[in-house]
Amino acid sequence: MSSSLLAIIPARGGSKGLPRKNILPVGGKPLIAWTITAALEASSIDEVILSSDDDETIKLASEWGCNAPFVRPASLASDTASSIDVVLHALGMCPGFDYVALLQPTSPLRTSLDIDDAFKILNVSGANSCVSMCLAEESPFWMYRLRENMQLESLFPNQNVSRRQDLPPVYVLNGAIYIARVSWLLQSRSFISEDCVAHIMPRERSLDIDTADDFEELKRVIGDRKR
């Protein structure tokens, strides 16, 4: 029995860290086009839609082949609006899908194979959701809180590891892929749960664009790829 997967690309017009970041040109196309292209090339996705409040973003996304069936309400385009509320609104506007993927345009280096592999992991595992992760750059096993008297308090006091190579691997969300069963997501209102499974991506494809420095790093990475 086949299952249908809807991909939602959220891209509001406002951004404080890097103004208009979703439509800034990089590598010969707007930032959002990197995610649109990956989504359209993913064999697991049945439909790719945009959720945006911004006319220019909607126009650009449409030019790159992404469907924009609605305009996102202003109440869901503020700094305080949550991603899950944006997803649930989109599902209400575009019902009938078994699975939903949230693909943020600020993760431009995620590939169509990443999306397909994450969806495969979800189905093979029988879990309700799958998220993309990468190895953490800094291990929390060497992190501390500070008491009021400025004394150190280890986050993991029972772990006495002195060599980096002996540290257990730890992973962080990279924000590139969130996939879930729609029926479950409507009840849980979260992509993360105890039975959530992971698709591991390398750090070099896990760049998240939030600031001007991030954008400059993306330009460097894309430039290096072309050499």
C-alpha atoms as a PDB file:
ATOM      1  CA  MET A   1       0.000   0.000   0.000  1.00  0.00           C
ATOM      2  CA  SER A   2       1.482   3.329  -1.083  1.00  0.00           C
ATOM      3  CA  SER A   3       1.784   6.296   1.250  1.00  0.00           C
ATOM      4  CA  SER A   4       1.802   9.946   0.260  1.00  0.00           C
ATOM      5  CA  LEU A   5       4.359  12.470   1.517  1.00  0.00           C
ATOM      6  CA  LEU A   6       3.809  16.229   1.551  1.00  0.00           C
ATOM      7  CA  ALA A   7       6.888  18.466   1.829  1.00  0.00           C
ATOM      8  CA  ILE A   8       6.410  21.902   3.379  1.00  0.00           C
ATOM      9  CA  ILE A   9       9.012  24.617   2.872  1.00  0.00           C
ATOM     10  CA  PRO A  10       8.427  27.440   5.389  1.00  0.00           C
ATOM     11  CA  ALA A  11       9.748  30.843   4.361  1.00  0.00           C
ATOM     12  CA  ARG A  12       8.382  33.970   6.001  1.00  0.00           C
ATOM     13  CA  GLY A  13       9.381  37.366   4.706  1.00  0.00           C
ATOM     14  CA  GLY A  14      10.831  38.747   7.933  1.00  0.00           C
ATOM     15  CA  SER A  15      14.177  37.802   9.442  1.00  0.00           C
ATOM     16  CA  LYS A  16      16.159  39.716  12.057  1.00  0.00           C
ATOM     17  CA  GLY A  17      19.447  37.807  11.929  1.00  0.00           C
ATOM     18  CA  LEU A  18      19.855  38.101   8.149  1.00  0.00           C
ATOM     19  CA  PRO A  19      17.163  40.228   6.456  1.00  0.00           C
ATOM     20  CA  ARG A  20      15.425  38.604   3.452  1.00  0.00           C
ATOM     21  CA  LYS A  21      17.734  35.601   3.799  1.00  0.00           C
ATOM     22  CA  ASN A  22      15.404  33.118   2.075  1.00  0.00           C
ATOM     23  CA  ILE A  23      15.645  34.930  -1.256  1.00  0.00           C
ATOM     24  CA  LEU A  24      19.274  36.102  -1.117  1.00  0.00           C
ATOM     25  CA  PRO A  25      21.264  34.862  -4.148  1.00  0.00           C
ATOM     26  CA  VAL A  26      23.978  32.272  -3.562  1.00  0.00           C
ATOM     27  CA  GLY A  27      25.571  29.941  -6.084  1.00  0.00           C
ATOM     28  CA  GLY A  28      23.503  31.364  -8.917  1.00  0.00           C
ATOM     29  CA  LYS A  29      20.069  31.010  -7.324  1.00  0.00           C
ATOM     30  CA  PRO A  30      18.089  32.243  -4.311  1.00  0.00           C
ATOM     31  CA  LEU A  31      18.741  30.447  -1.037  1.00  0.00           C
ATOM     32  CA  ILE A  32      15.267  28.891  -0.986  1.00  0.00           C
ATOM     33  CA  ALA A  33      15.836  27.321  -4.427  1.00  0.00           C
ATOM     34  CA  TRP A  34      18.440  24.945  -2.973  1.00  0.00           C
ATOM     35  CA  THR A  35      15.764  23.347  -0.798  1.00  0.00           C
ATOM     36  CA  ILE A  36      13.102  23.433  -3.520  1.00  0.00           C
ATOM     37  CA  THR A  37      15.426  21.616  -5.930  1.00  0.00           C
ATOM     38  CA  ALA A  38      16.306  18.929  -3.386  1.00  0.00           C
ATOM     39  CA  ALA A  39      12.634  18.395  -2.540  1.00  0.00           C
ATOM     40  CA  LEU A  40      11.541  18.156  -6.171  1.00  0.00           C
ATOM     41  CA  GLU A  41      14.317  15.646  -6.898  1.00  0.00           C
ATOM     42  CA  ALA A  42      13.429  13.429  -3.911  1.00  0.00           C
ATOM     43  CA  SER A  43      11.589  10.350  -5.172  1.00  0.00           C
ATOM     44  CA  SER A  44       9.775   9.901  -1.844  1.00  0.00           C
ATOM     45  CA  ILE A  45       7.961  13.264  -1.999  1.00  0.00           C
ATOM     46  CA  ASP A  46       4.598  13.499  -3.742  1.00  0.00           C
ATOM     47  CA  GLU A  47       4.029  17.247  -3.492  1.00  0.00           C
ATOM     48  CA  VAL A  48       6.177  20.236  -2.519  1.00  0.00           C
ATOM     49  CA  ILE A  49       4.482  23.368  -1.196  1.00  0.00           C
ATOM     50  CA  LEU A  50       5.567  26.718   0.170  1.00  0.00           C
ATOM     51  CA  SER A  51       4.211  28.327   3.327  1.00  0.00           C
ATOM     52  CA  SER A  52       4.957  32.058   3.152  1.00  0.00           C
ATOM     53  CA  ASP A  53       3.421  35.419   3.907  1.00  0.00           C
ATOM     54  CA  ASP A  54       5.682  37.226   1.444  1.00  0.00           C
ATOM     55  CA  ASP A  55       4.701  37.982  -2.170  1.00  0.00           C
ATOM     56  CA  GLU A  56       8.278  38.104  -3.471  1.00  0.00           C
ATOM     57  CA  THR A  57       9.162  34.775  -1.864  1.00  0.00           C
ATOM     58  CA  ILE A  58       6.006  33.176  -3.269  1.00  0.00           C
ATOM     59  CA  LYS A  59       6.841  34.467  -6.751  1.00  0.00           C
ATOM     60  CA  LEU A  60      10.431  33.210  -6.607  1.00  0.00           C
ATOM     61  CA  ALA A  61       9.438  29.805  -5.235  1.00  0.00           C
ATOM     62  CA  SER A  62       6.828  29.414  -7.974  1.00  0.00           C
ATOM     63  CA  GLU A  63       9.456  30.201 -10.603  1.00  0.00           C
ATOM     64  CA  TRP A  64      11.559  27.356  -9.226  1.00  0.00           C
ATOM     65  CA  GLY A  65       8.676  24.874  -9.441  1.00  0.00           C
ATOM     66  CA  CYS A  66       7.313  24.989  -5.896  1.00  0.00           C
ATOM     67  CA  ASN A  67       3.546  25.130  -5.465  1.00  0.00           C
ATOM     68  CA  ALA A  68       2.222  27.977  -3.274  1.00  0.00           C
ATOM     69  CA  PRO A  69      -1.447  27.088  -2.700  1.00  0.00           C
ATOM     70  CA  PHE A  70      -2.064  29.680   0.028  1.00  0.00           C
ATOM     71  CA  VAL A  71      -0.645  32.770   1.721  1.00  0.00           C
ATOM     72  CA  ARG A  72       0.395  32.217   5.312  1.00  0.00           C
ATOM     73  CA  PRO A  73      -1.574  34.329   7.818  1.00  0.00           C
ATOM     74  CA  ALA A  74       0.338  37.189   9.462  1.00  0.00           C
ATOM     75  CA  SER A  75      -0.295  35.604  12.864  1.00  0.00           C
ATOM     76  CA  LEU A  76       1.893  32.664  11.788  1.00  0.00           C
ATOM     77  CA  ALA A  77       4.667  34.838  10.342  1.00  0.00           C
ATOM     78  CA  SER A  78       5.803  36.606  13.516  1.00  0.00           C
ATOM     79  CA  ASP A  79       9.009  36.017  15.485  1.00  0.00           C
ATOM     80  CA  THR A  80       7.001  34.105  18.083  1.00  0.00           C
ATOM     81  CA  ALA A  81       5.138  31.772  15.694  1.00  0.00           C
ATOM     82  CA  SER A  82       6.262  28.156  16.047  1.00  0.00           C
ATOM     83  CA  SER A  83       7.254  25.833  13.219  1.00  0.00           C
ATOM     84  CA  ILE A  84       4.735  23.219  14.327  1.00  0.00           C
ATOM     85  CA  ASP A  85       1.879  25.732  14.084  1.00  0.00           C
ATOM     86  CA  VAL A  86       3.019  26.557  10.538  1.00  0.00           C
ATOM     87  CA  VAL A  87       3.047  22.846   9.649  1.00  0.00           C
ATOM     88  CA  LEU A  88      -0.376  22.199  11.170  1.00  0.00           C
ATOM     89  CA  HIS A  89      -1.820  25.175   9.290  1.00  0.00           C
ATOM     90  CA  ALA A  90      -0.379  23.863   6.018  1.00  0.00           C
ATOM     91  CA  LEU A  91      -1.809  20.400   6.680  1.00  0.00           C
ATOM     92  CA  GLY A  92      -5.204  21.993   7.219  1.00  0.00           C
ATOM     93  CA  MET A  93      -4.915  23.801   3.903  1.00  0.00           C
ATOM     94  CA  CYS A  94      -3.594  20.717   2.061  1.00  0.00           C
ATOM     95  CA  PRO A  95      -5.219  17.637   3.645  1.00  0.00           C
ATOM     96  CA  GLY A  96      -5.102  14.011   2.538  1.00  0.00           C
ATOM     97  CA  PHE A  97      -1.430  13.114   3.005  1.00  0.00           C
ATOM     98  CA  ASP A  98      -0.120  10.238   5.135  1.00  0.00           C
ATOM     99  CA  TYR A  99       3.262  11.806   5.929  1.00  0.00           C
ATOM    100  CA  VAL A 100       4.613  15.328   6.151  1.00  0.00           C
ATOM    101  CA  ALA A 101       8.169  16.648   5.844  1.00  0.00           C
ATOM    102  CA  LEU A 102       9.307  20.033   7.097  1.00  0.00           C
ATOM    103  CA  LEU A 103      12.245  21.254   4.989  1.00  0.00           C
ATOM    104  CA  GLN A 104      13.640  24.573   6.169  1.00  0.00           C
ATOM    105  CA  PRO A 105      15.285  26.710   3.455  1.00  0.00           C
ATOM    106  CA  THR A 106      18.028  27.646   5.917  1.00  0.00           C
ATOM    107  CA  SER A 107      19.513  24.151   5.407  1.00  0.00           C
ATOM    108  CA  PRO A 108      20.525  24.449   1.737  1.00  0.00           C
ATOM    109  CA  LEU A 109      23.094  21.637   1.648  1.00  0.00           C
ATOM    110  CA  ARG A 110      20.673  18.831   2.452  1.00  0.00           C
ATOM    111  CA  THR A 111      20.224  16.641  -0.633  1.00  0.00           C
ATOM    112  CA  SER A 112      17.374  14.696  -2.207  1.00  0.00           C
ATOM    113  CA  LEU A 113      19.124  11.498  -1.074  1.00  0.00           C
ATOM    114  CA  ASP A 114      19.088  12.775   2.511  1.00  0.00           C
ATOM    115  CA  ILE A 115      15.319  13.239   2.264  1.00  0.00           C
ATOM    116  CA  ASP A 116      14.754   9.818   0.685  1.00  0.00           C
ATOM    117  CA  ASP A 117      17.006   8.096   3.220  1.00  0.00           C
ATOM    118  CA  ALA A 118      15.223   9.789   6.146  1.00  0.00           C
ATOM    119  CA  PHE A 119      11.845   8.671   4.820  1.00  0.00           C
ATOM    120  CA  LYS A 120      13.154   5.118   4.345  1.00  0.00           C
ATOM    121  CA  ILE A 121      14.511   5.047   7.902  1.00  0.00           C
ATOM    122  CA  LEU A 122      11.130   6.185   9.210  1.00  0.00           C
ATOM    123  CA  ASN A 123       9.229   3.471   7.343  1.00  0.00           C
ATOM    124  CA  VAL A 124      11.659   0.643   8.082  1.00  0.00           C
ATOM    125  CA  SER A 125      11.794   1.525  11.785  1.00  0.00           C
ATOM    126  CA  GLY A 126       8.034   1.772  12.224  1.00  0.00           C
ATOM    127  CA  ALA A 127       8.578   4.964  14.241  1.00  0.00           C
ATOM    128  CA  ASN A 128       6.280   7.963  14.079  1.00  0.00           C
ATOM    129  CA  SER A 129       8.937  10.498  13.130  1.00  0.00           C
ATOM    130  CA  CYS A 130      12.458  10.891  11.820  1.00  0.00           C
ATOM    131  CA  VAL A 131      14.735  13.932  12.147  1.00  0.00           C
ATOM    132  CA  SER A 132      18.142  14.763  10.701  1.00  0.00           C
ATOM    133  CA  MET A 133      21.117  15.109  13.037  1.00  0.00           C
ATOM    134  CA  CYS A 134      24.868  15.504  12.909  1.00  0.00           C
ATOM    135  CA  LEU A 135      27.740  14.884  15.296  1.00  0.00           C
ATOM    136  CA  ALA A 136      28.022  17.623  17.896  1.00  0.00           C
ATOM    137  CA  GLU A 137      31.114  19.786  17.585  1.00  0.00           C
ATOM    138  CA  GLU A 138      31.533  20.060  21.352  1.00  0.00           C
ATOM    139  CA  SER A 139      30.859  17.203  23.744  1.00  0.00           C
ATOM    140  CA  PRO A 140      28.532  17.923  26.692  1.00  0.00           C
ATOM    141  CA  PHE A 141      30.617  15.485  28.745  1.00  0.00           C
ATOM    142  CA  TRP A 142      33.204  18.262  29.049  1.00  0.00           C
ATOM    143  CA  MET A 143      30.694  20.977  29.869  1.00  0.00           C
ATOM    144  CA  TYR A 144      30.004  22.587  33.240  1.00  0.00           C
ATOM    145  CA  ARG A 145      27.552  24.732  35.085  1.00  0.00           C
ATOM    146  CA  LEU A 146      28.837  27.439  37.414  1.00  0.00           C
ATOM    147  CA  ARG A 147      27.645  27.517  41.001  1.00  0.00           C
ATOM    148  CA  GLU A 148      27.010  30.861  42.725  1.00  0.00           C
ATOM    149  CA  ASN A 149      30.557  30.806  44.113  1.00  0.00           C
ATOM    150  CA  MET A 150      31.891  30.247  40.549  1.00  0.00           C
ATOM    151  CA  GLN A 151      32.877  26.654  41.275  1.00  0.00           C
ATOM    152  CA  LEU A 152      32.502  24.152  38.459  1.00  0.00           C
ATOM    153  CA  GLU A 153      29.689  21.614  38.405  1.00  0.00           C
ATOM    154  CA  SER A 154      29.908  18.956  35.695  1.00  0.00           C
ATOM    155  CA  LEU A 155      26.814  18.236  33.616  1.00  0.00           C
ATOM    156  CA  PHE A 156      27.746  14.551  33.873  1.00  0.00           C
ATOM    157  CA  PRO A 157      29.466  14.113  37.248  1.00  0.00           C
ATOM    158  CA  ASN A 158      29.633  10.318  36.929  1.00  0.00           C
ATOM    159  CA  GLN A 159      31.572  10.439  33.664  1.00  0.00           C
ATOM    160  CA  ASN A 160      35.323  10.688  34.163  1.00  0.00           C
ATOM    161  CA  VAL A 161      36.697  10.869  30.620  1.00  0.00           C
ATOM    162  CA  SER A 162      40.076  12.537  30.133  1.00  0.00           C
ATOM    163  CA  ARG A 163      40.755  11.775  26.439  1.00  0.00           C
ATOM    164  CA  ARG A 164      38.650  13.122  23.558  1.00  0.00           C
ATOM    165  CA  GLN A 165      38.811   9.781  21.702  1.00  0.00           C
ATOM    166  CA  ASP A 166      37.184   8.072  24.690  1.00  0.00           C
ATOM    167  CA  LEU A 167      34.124  10.323  24.702  1.00  0.00           C
ATOM    168  CA  PRO A 168      30.862   8.700  23.556  1.00  0.00           C
ATOM    169  CA  PRO A 169      29.495  10.203  20.307  1.00  0.00           C
ATOM    170  CA  VAL A 170      26.667  12.699  20.792  1.00  0.00           C
ATOM    171  CA  TYR A 171      24.415  14.202  18.155  1.00  0.00           C
ATOM    172  CA  VAL A 172      22.468  17.433  17.678  1.00  0.00           C
ATOM    173  CA  LEU A 173      19.507  18.363  15.504  1.00  0.00           C
ATOM    174  CA  ASN A 174      20.749  20.116  12.372  1.00  0.00           C
ATOM    175  CA  GLY A 175      17.337  21.445  11.312  1.00  0.00           C
ATOM    176  CA  ALA A 176      17.471  20.047   7.778  1.00  0.00           C
ATOM    177  CA  ILE A 177      14.759  17.353   7.815  1.00  0.00           C
ATOM    178  CA  TYR A 178      11.734  16.627   9.976  1.00  0.00           C
ATOM    179  CA  ILE A 179       9.346  13.868   8.810  1.00  0.00           C
ATOM    180  CA  ALA A 180       6.328  12.425  10.631  1.00  0.00           C
ATOM    181  CA  ARG A 181       3.139  10.466  10.194  1.00  0.00           C
ATOM    182  CA  VAL A 182       0.385  13.044   9.814  1.00  0.00           C
ATOM    183  CA  SER A 183      -2.139  11.274  12.054  1.00  0.00           C
ATOM    184  CA  TRP A 184       0.423  11.098  14.864  1.00  0.00           C
ATOM    185  CA  LEU A 185       1.685  14.657  14.384  1.00  0.00           C
ATOM    186  CA  LEU A 186      -1.816  16.101  14.633  1.00  0.00           C
ATOM    187  CA  GLN A 187      -2.055  14.593  18.113  1.00  0.00           C
ATOM    188  CA  SER A 188       1.513  15.038  19.373  1.00  0.00           C
ATOM    189  CA  ARG A 189       2.106  18.515  17.882  1.00  0.00           C
ATOM    190  CA  SER A 190       5.825  17.769  17.835  1.00  0.00           C
ATOM    191  CA  PHE A 191       8.279  15.966  15.555  1.00  0.00           C
ATOM    192  CA  ILE A 192      10.323  14.830  18.562  1.00  0.00           C
ATOM    193  CA  SER A 193       9.302  11.930  20.762  1.00  0.00           C
ATOM    194  CA  GLU A 194      10.903   9.041  22.606  1.00  0.00           C
ATOM    195  CA  ASP A 195      10.543   6.727  19.595  1.00  0.00           C
ATOM    196  CA  CYS A 196      11.827   9.303  17.088  1.00  0.00           C
ATOM    197  CA  VAL A 197      14.590   7.936  14.839  1.00  0.00           C
ATOM    198  CA  ALA A 198      17.513   9.784  13.273  1.00  0.00           C
ATOM    199  CA  HIS A 199      18.991  10.277   9.845  1.00  0.00           C
ATOM    200  CA  ILE A 200      22.646  11.202  10.368  1.00  0.00           C
ATOM    201  CA  MET A 201      24.123  13.836   8.066  1.00  0.00           C
ATOM    202  CA  PRO A 202      27.771  14.923   7.908  1.00  0.00           C
ATOM    203  CA  ARG A 203      28.563  18.272   9.500  1.00  0.00           C
ATOM    204  CA  GLU A 204      29.694  19.688   6.148  1.00  0.00           C
ATOM    205  CA  ARG A 205      26.107  19.379   4.853  1.00  0.00           C
ATOM    206  CA  SER A 206      24.532  20.536   8.118  1.00  0.00           C
ATOM    207  CA  LEU A 207      25.167  24.266   7.771  1.00  0.00           C
ATOM    208  CA  ASP A 208      22.208  26.272   9.128  1.00  0.00           C
ATOM    209  CA  ILE A 209      21.917  29.822   7.755  1.00  0.00           C
ATOM    210  CA  ASP A 210      20.943  32.275  10.466  1.00  0.00           C
ATOM    211  CA  THR A 211      23.471  35.091  10.315  1.00  0.00           C
ATOM    212  CA  ALA A 212      25.534  36.982   7.745  1.00  0.00           C
ATOM    213  CA  ASP A 213      28.578  34.934   8.821  1.00  0.00           C
ATOM    214  CA  ASP A 214      26.671  31.706   8.106  1.00  0.00           C
ATOM    215  CA  PHE A 215      25.795  33.033   4.661  1.00  0.00           C
ATOM    216  CA  GLU A 216      29.436  33.868   3.926  1.00  0.00           C
ATOM    217  CA  GLU A 217      30.416  30.351   5.016  1.00  0.00           C
ATOM    218  CA  LEU A 218      27.824  28.934   2.598  1.00  0.00           C
ATOM    219  CA  LYS A 219      29.316  30.983  -0.229  1.00  0.00           C
ATOM    220  CA  ARG A 220      32.731  29.561   0.615  1.00  0.00           C
ATOM    221  CA  VAL A 221      31.468  25.977   0.716  1.00  0.00           C
ATOM    222  CA  ILE A 222      29.634  26.289  -2.581  1.00  0.00           C
ATOM    223  CA  GLY A 223      32.659  27.977  -4.139  1.00  0.00           C
ATOM    224  CA  ASP A 224      34.957  25.170  -2.989  1.00  0.00           C
ATOM    225  CA  ARG A 225      32.599  22.583  -4.489  1.00  0.00           C
ATOM    226  CA  LYS A 226      32.890  24.182  -7.933  1.00  0.00           C
ATOM    227  CA  ARG A 227      36.689  24.037  -8.000  1.00  0.00           C
END
